[in-house]
Amino acid sequence: MGDLSENGAYTAAKSELRDTDRKLRHLERLLKYGEVVTSKNAGKVEFDSKVILDNGSKKLNFHLVSGFEADPINGKLSVFSPLGKAVMNKTVGDKVSVSTPNGQMTYTIISILI
């Protein structure tokens, strides 16, 4: 396609290849250093717990996952999120407070499923 220094298609293809290589290296790193986590603290909120919270007016159901799996719309919250951090290592009946854009919210842990 002519001179490579002025070839837009070649430049775009090289850029896409670099992006694909970067994603592949990231996935390889996740596979190499990832580890399977098993439950240790029965009765406490931890990674992979399904939690039901109540603030008096509504109930909130979510699943605590890693930052890579987080999907708040589908009820998967990261353990690194403000709510995830607040509920970690708590038990049923504990109250947690979280700062939100609408102010401070207080929730009571109703149920923990592992």
N, C-alpha and C. Protein backbone atom coordinates (compact mmCIF):
# COMPACT_ATOMS: atom_id res chain seq x y z
N MET A 1 0.83 -1.19 0.00
CA MET A 1 0.00 0.00 0.00
C MET A 1 0.87 1.25 0.00
N GLY A 2 2.01 1.16 -0.57
CA GLY A 2 2.84 2.35 -0.71
C GLY A 2 3.77 2.57 0.46
N ASP A 3 4.16 3.82 0.66
CA ASP A 3 5.08 4.23 1.70
C ASP A 3 4.45 4.02 3.08
N LEU A 4 5.11 3.23 3.96
CA LEU A 4 4.56 2.93 5.28
C LEU A 4 4.49 4.15 6.19
N SER A 5 5.30 5.17 5.96
CA SER A 5 5.29 6.35 6.81
C SER A 5 4.02 7.18 6.61
N GLU A 6 3.32 6.99 5.49
CA GLU A 6 2.11 7.77 5.22
C GLU A 6 0.89 6.87 5.05
N ASN A 7 0.96 5.65 5.59
CA ASN A 7 -0.11 4.69 5.41
C ASN A 7 -0.96 4.62 6.67
N GLY A 8 -2.14 5.22 6.64
CA GLY A 8 -3.03 5.26 7.81
C GLY A 8 -3.52 3.89 8.23
N ALA A 9 -3.82 3.01 7.26
CA ALA A 9 -4.31 1.67 7.58
C ALA A 9 -3.24 0.86 8.33
N TYR A 10 -1.99 0.99 7.89
CA TYR A 10 -0.90 0.30 8.55
C TYR A 10 -0.72 0.80 9.99
N THR A 11 -0.75 2.10 10.16
CA THR A 11 -0.61 2.69 11.49
C THR A 11 -1.74 2.24 12.41
N ALA A 12 -2.97 2.22 11.91
CA ALA A 12 -4.12 1.78 12.71
C ALA A 12 -4.00 0.30 13.08
N ALA A 13 -3.55 -0.52 12.14
CA ALA A 13 -3.39 -1.95 12.41
C ALA A 13 -2.32 -2.19 13.47
N LYS A 14 -1.22 -1.46 13.40
CA LYS A 14 -0.16 -1.59 14.40
C LYS A 14 -0.66 -1.18 15.78
N SER A 15 -1.46 -0.12 15.83
CA SER A 15 -2.01 0.35 17.10
C SER A 15 -2.95 -0.71 17.69
N GLU A 16 -3.77 -1.30 16.85
CA GLU A 16 -4.70 -2.34 17.31
C GLU A 16 -3.93 -3.57 17.80
N LEU A 17 -2.85 -3.92 17.12
CA LEU A 17 -2.02 -5.05 17.52
C LEU A 17 -1.39 -4.79 18.88
N ARG A 18 -0.89 -3.57 19.11
CA ARG A 18 -0.30 -3.23 20.41
C ARG A 18 -1.36 -3.33 21.52
N ASP A 19 -2.58 -2.87 21.25
CA ASP A 19 -3.66 -2.94 22.23
C ASP A 19 -4.01 -4.39 22.55
N THR A 20 -4.08 -5.22 21.54
CA THR A 20 -4.38 -6.64 21.73
C THR A 20 -3.27 -7.32 22.53
N ASP A 21 -2.03 -7.02 22.23
CA ASP A 21 -0.90 -7.58 22.98
C ASP A 21 -0.93 -7.14 24.45
N ARG A 22 -1.28 -5.89 24.70
CA ARG A 22 -1.37 -5.39 26.08
C ARG A 22 -2.44 -6.14 26.85
N LYS A 23 -3.61 -6.35 26.24
CA LYS A 23 -4.70 -7.09 26.90
C LYS A 23 -4.30 -8.54 27.15
N LEU A 24 -3.61 -9.14 26.21
CA LEU A 24 -3.16 -10.52 26.36
C LEU A 24 -2.16 -10.65 27.51
N ARG A 25 -1.22 -9.73 27.60
CA ARG A 25 -0.26 -9.75 28.71
C ARG A 25 -0.97 -9.60 30.05
N HIS A 26 -1.98 -8.74 30.10
CA HIS A 26 -2.75 -8.54 31.33
C HIS A 26 -3.45 -9.84 31.73
N LEU A 27 -4.10 -10.51 30.79
CA LEU A 27 -4.78 -11.77 31.09
C LEU A 27 -3.80 -12.86 31.51
N GLU A 28 -2.64 -12.92 30.87
CA GLU A 28 -1.62 -13.89 31.27
C GLU A 28 -1.15 -13.65 32.69
N ARG A 29 -1.01 -12.39 33.06
CA ARG A 29 -0.59 -12.03 34.42
C ARG A 29 -1.67 -12.44 35.43
N LEU A 30 -2.94 -12.23 35.08
CA LEU A 30 -4.03 -12.64 35.97
C LEU A 30 -4.04 -14.15 36.17
N LEU A 31 -3.83 -14.90 35.09
CA LEU A 31 -3.81 -16.36 35.19
C LEU A 31 -2.61 -16.86 35.99
N LYS A 32 -1.47 -16.20 35.82
CA LYS A 32 -0.25 -16.63 36.49
C LYS A 32 -0.30 -16.38 38.00
N TYR A 33 -0.82 -15.22 38.40
CA TYR A 33 -0.78 -14.85 39.81
C TYR A 33 -2.12 -14.98 40.53
N GLY A 34 -3.17 -15.36 39.81
CA GLY A 34 -4.48 -15.52 40.45
C GLY A 34 -4.49 -16.74 41.36
N GLU A 35 -5.33 -16.69 42.36
CA GLU A 35 -5.45 -17.83 43.26
C GLU A 35 -6.91 -18.03 43.66
N VAL A 36 -7.26 -19.25 43.94
CA VAL A 36 -8.61 -19.59 44.35
C VAL A 36 -8.74 -19.28 45.84
N VAL A 37 -9.80 -18.55 46.19
CA VAL A 37 -10.02 -18.16 47.57
C VAL A 37 -11.15 -19.00 48.14
N THR A 38 -10.92 -19.59 49.31
CA THR A 38 -11.96 -20.36 49.98
C THR A 38 -12.39 -19.63 51.25
N SER A 39 -13.60 -19.89 51.67
CA SER A 39 -14.15 -19.24 52.84
C SER A 39 -13.41 -19.67 54.10
N LYS A 40 -13.08 -18.71 54.95
CA LYS A 40 -12.38 -18.99 56.21
C LYS A 40 -13.21 -18.59 57.42
N ASN A 41 -13.96 -17.49 57.31
CA ASN A 41 -14.69 -16.94 58.44
C ASN A 41 -16.19 -17.18 58.29
N ALA A 42 -16.64 -18.37 58.62
CA ALA A 42 -18.08 -18.65 58.51
C ALA A 42 -18.84 -17.69 59.42
N GLY A 43 -19.86 -17.06 58.86
CA GLY A 43 -20.65 -16.13 59.64
C GLY A 43 -20.22 -14.68 59.49
N LYS A 44 -19.11 -14.44 58.82
CA LYS A 44 -18.63 -13.08 58.59
C LYS A 44 -18.68 -12.76 57.10
N VAL A 45 -18.85 -11.48 56.78
CA VAL A 45 -18.83 -11.05 55.39
C VAL A 45 -17.39 -11.08 54.90
N GLU A 46 -17.20 -11.71 53.74
CA GLU A 46 -15.87 -11.77 53.14
C GLU A 46 -16.02 -11.84 51.63
N PHE A 47 -14.91 -11.95 50.94
CA PHE A 47 -14.92 -12.06 49.49
C PHE A 47 -15.83 -13.21 49.08
N ASP A 48 -16.66 -12.99 48.05
CA ASP A 48 -17.59 -13.95 47.48
C ASP A 48 -18.84 -14.16 48.33
N SER A 49 -19.05 -13.34 49.36
CA SER A 49 -20.27 -13.44 50.16
C SER A 49 -21.42 -12.75 49.44
N LYS A 50 -22.62 -13.27 49.64
CA LYS A 50 -23.83 -12.61 49.17
C LYS A 50 -24.48 -12.01 50.42
N VAL A 51 -24.74 -10.71 50.37
CA VAL A 51 -25.15 -9.96 51.55
C VAL A 51 -26.49 -9.29 51.30
N ILE A 52 -27.34 -9.29 52.32
CA ILE A 52 -28.60 -8.55 52.28
C ILE A 52 -28.54 -7.51 53.39
N LEU A 53 -28.69 -6.24 53.01
CA LEU A 53 -28.69 -5.12 53.96
C LEU A 53 -30.06 -4.48 54.00
N ASP A 54 -30.37 -3.84 55.12
CA ASP A 54 -31.65 -3.13 55.27
C ASP A 54 -31.36 -1.79 55.93
N ASN A 55 -31.95 -0.72 55.38
CA ASN A 55 -31.78 0.59 56.00
C ASN A 55 -33.09 1.11 56.59
N GLY A 56 -34.06 0.24 56.75
CA GLY A 56 -35.34 0.63 57.31
C GLY A 56 -36.40 0.89 56.26
N SER A 57 -36.00 1.38 55.10
CA SER A 57 -36.97 1.67 54.04
C SER A 57 -36.82 0.75 52.83
N LYS A 58 -35.62 0.21 52.62
CA LYS A 58 -35.43 -0.70 51.50
C LYS A 58 -34.32 -1.70 51.81
N LYS A 59 -34.38 -2.83 51.11
CA LYS A 59 -33.35 -3.85 51.26
C LYS A 59 -32.42 -3.80 50.06
N LEU A 60 -31.18 -4.12 50.31
CA LEU A 60 -30.14 -4.07 49.29
C LEU A 60 -29.46 -5.43 49.25
N ASN A 61 -29.51 -6.10 48.09
CA ASN A 61 -28.86 -7.41 47.89
C ASN A 61 -27.66 -7.23 46.98
N PHE A 62 -26.54 -7.82 47.35
CA PHE A 62 -25.38 -7.76 46.47
C PHE A 62 -24.43 -8.90 46.75
N HIS A 63 -23.53 -9.13 45.81
CA HIS A 63 -22.52 -10.18 45.87
C HIS A 63 -21.17 -9.47 45.87
N LEU A 64 -20.31 -9.75 46.86
CA LEU A 64 -18.99 -9.13 46.94
C LEU A 64 -18.00 -9.87 46.04
N VAL A 65 -17.43 -9.15 45.09
CA VAL A 65 -16.51 -9.73 44.11
C VAL A 65 -15.26 -8.88 44.01
N SER A 66 -14.32 -9.33 43.18
CA SER A 66 -13.09 -8.57 42.98
C SER A 66 -13.37 -7.33 42.13
N GLY A 67 -12.40 -6.46 42.04
CA GLY A 67 -12.55 -5.26 41.23
C GLY A 67 -12.76 -5.56 39.76
N PHE A 68 -12.21 -6.68 39.27
CA PHE A 68 -12.35 -7.04 37.86
C PHE A 68 -13.76 -7.52 37.53
N GLU A 69 -14.44 -8.10 38.51
CA GLU A 69 -15.77 -8.67 38.27
C GLU A 69 -16.91 -7.71 38.61
N ALA A 70 -16.60 -6.59 39.21
CA ALA A 70 -17.63 -5.68 39.70
C ALA A 70 -18.59 -5.27 38.58
N ASP A 71 -19.88 -5.31 38.90
CA ASP A 71 -20.95 -4.92 37.98
C ASP A 71 -22.14 -4.49 38.83
N PRO A 72 -22.14 -3.26 39.33
CA PRO A 72 -23.18 -2.82 40.26
C PRO A 72 -24.60 -2.96 39.73
N ILE A 73 -24.79 -2.81 38.43
CA ILE A 73 -26.14 -2.93 37.86
C ILE A 73 -26.68 -4.33 38.08
N ASN A 74 -25.80 -5.34 38.06
CA ASN A 74 -26.22 -6.72 38.26
C ASN A 74 -25.99 -7.21 39.68
N GLY A 75 -25.78 -6.30 40.63
CA GLY A 75 -25.66 -6.66 42.03
C GLY A 75 -24.31 -7.21 42.44
N LYS A 76 -23.27 -6.94 41.68
CA LYS A 76 -21.92 -7.40 42.03
C LYS A 76 -21.09 -6.19 42.42
N LEU A 77 -20.79 -6.06 43.71
CA LEU A 77 -20.00 -4.94 44.21
C LEU A 77 -18.58 -5.36 44.52
N SER A 78 -17.66 -4.49 44.25
CA SER A 78 -16.25 -4.74 44.53
C SER A 78 -15.99 -4.67 46.02
N VAL A 79 -15.07 -5.52 46.49
CA VAL A 79 -14.66 -5.46 47.89
C VAL A 79 -13.91 -4.17 48.18
N PHE A 80 -13.51 -3.45 47.11
CA PHE A 80 -12.78 -2.20 47.26
C PHE A 80 -13.70 -0.98 47.23
N SER A 81 -14.99 -1.19 46.98
CA SER A 81 -15.95 -0.08 46.95
C SER A 81 -16.21 0.38 48.39
N PRO A 82 -16.74 1.59 48.58
CA PRO A 82 -17.01 2.06 49.94
C PRO A 82 -17.94 1.12 50.72
N LEU A 83 -19.00 0.63 50.08
CA LEU A 83 -19.91 -0.29 50.77
C LEU A 83 -19.23 -1.63 51.01
N GLY A 84 -18.46 -2.10 50.04
CA GLY A 84 -17.74 -3.36 50.20
C GLY A 84 -16.77 -3.31 51.37
N LYS A 85 -16.03 -2.21 51.48
CA LYS A 85 -15.09 -2.04 52.59
C LYS A 85 -15.82 -1.97 53.92
N ALA A 86 -16.99 -1.32 53.93
CA ALA A 86 -17.73 -1.14 55.18
C ALA A 86 -18.26 -2.46 55.74
N VAL A 87 -18.66 -3.38 54.88
CA VAL A 87 -19.28 -4.62 55.36
C VAL A 87 -18.28 -5.75 55.60
N MET A 88 -17.06 -5.61 55.10
CA MET A 88 -16.07 -6.69 55.26
C MET A 88 -15.87 -7.04 56.73
N ASN A 89 -15.86 -8.34 57.03
CA ASN A 89 -15.63 -8.91 58.37
C ASN A 89 -16.72 -8.57 59.38
N LYS A 90 -17.86 -8.13 58.92
CA LYS A 90 -18.99 -7.87 59.82
C LYS A 90 -19.86 -9.12 59.90
N THR A 91 -20.74 -9.18 60.89
CA THR A 91 -21.62 -10.32 61.07
C THR A 91 -23.08 -9.87 61.00
N VAL A 92 -23.99 -10.84 60.97
CA VAL A 92 -25.42 -10.54 60.91
C VAL A 92 -25.80 -9.71 62.13
N GLY A 93 -26.54 -8.64 61.89
CA GLY A 93 -26.98 -7.75 62.96
C GLY A 93 -26.11 -6.51 63.12
N ASP A 94 -24.91 -6.53 62.57
CA ASP A 94 -24.02 -5.37 62.67
C ASP A 94 -24.57 -4.23 61.81
N LYS A 95 -24.31 -3.01 62.24
CA LYS A 95 -24.69 -1.82 61.48
C LYS A 95 -23.45 -1.24 60.83
N VAL A 96 -23.61 -0.80 59.58
CA VAL A 96 -22.51 -0.17 58.85
C VAL A 96 -22.98 1.17 58.31
N SER A 97 -22.09 2.15 58.28
CA SER A 97 -22.39 3.47 57.74
C SER A 97 -21.52 3.73 56.53
N VAL A 98 -22.14 4.30 55.51
CA VAL A 98 -21.44 4.58 54.26
C VAL A 98 -21.80 5.99 53.80
N SER A 99 -20.79 6.75 53.38
CA SER A 99 -21.04 8.08 52.82
C SER A 99 -21.47 7.93 51.37
N THR A 100 -22.58 8.56 51.02
CA THR A 100 -23.08 8.53 49.65
C THR A 100 -23.28 9.97 49.19
N PRO A 101 -23.52 10.18 47.89
CA PRO A 101 -23.80 11.53 47.43
C PRO A 101 -25.04 12.15 48.09
N ASN A 102 -25.95 11.30 48.57
CA ASN A 102 -27.16 11.78 49.26
C ASN A 102 -26.98 11.89 50.76
N GLY A 103 -25.76 11.73 51.25
CA GLY A 103 -25.50 11.82 52.68
C GLY A 103 -25.10 10.47 53.27
N GLN A 104 -25.00 10.43 54.58
CA GLN A 104 -24.60 9.22 55.29
C GLN A 104 -25.76 8.22 55.32
N MET A 105 -25.50 6.98 54.94
CA MET A 105 -26.51 5.92 54.97
C MET A 105 -26.07 4.87 55.99
N THR A 106 -27.00 4.40 56.80
CA THR A 106 -26.73 3.35 57.77
C THR A 106 -27.53 2.13 57.40
N TYR A 107 -26.87 0.98 57.33
CA TYR A 107 -27.50 -0.28 56.97
C TYR A 107 -27.28 -1.29 58.07
N THR A 108 -28.21 -2.21 58.22
CA THR A 108 -28.08 -3.35 59.12
C THR A 108 -27.92 -4.59 58.26
N ILE A 109 -26.97 -5.44 58.63
CA ILE A 109 -26.75 -6.69 57.87
C ILE A 109 -27.82 -7.68 58.30
N ILE A 110 -28.65 -8.09 57.34
CA ILE A 110 -29.76 -9.00 57.59
C ILE A 110 -29.33 -10.45 57.38
N SER A 111 -28.57 -10.70 56.32
CA SER A 111 -28.21 -12.07 55.96
C SER A 111 -26.87 -12.11 55.25
N ILE A 112 -26.13 -13.19 55.49
CA ILE A 112 -24.85 -13.43 54.80
C ILE A 112 -24.89 -14.84 54.25
N LEU A 113 -24.74 -14.97 52.94
CA LEU A 113 -24.69 -16.27 52.31
C LEU A 113 -23.31 -16.47 51.71
N ILE A 114 -22.74 -17.63 51.93
CA ILE A 114 -21.40 -17.88 51.39
C ILE A 114 -21.48 -18.92 50.31
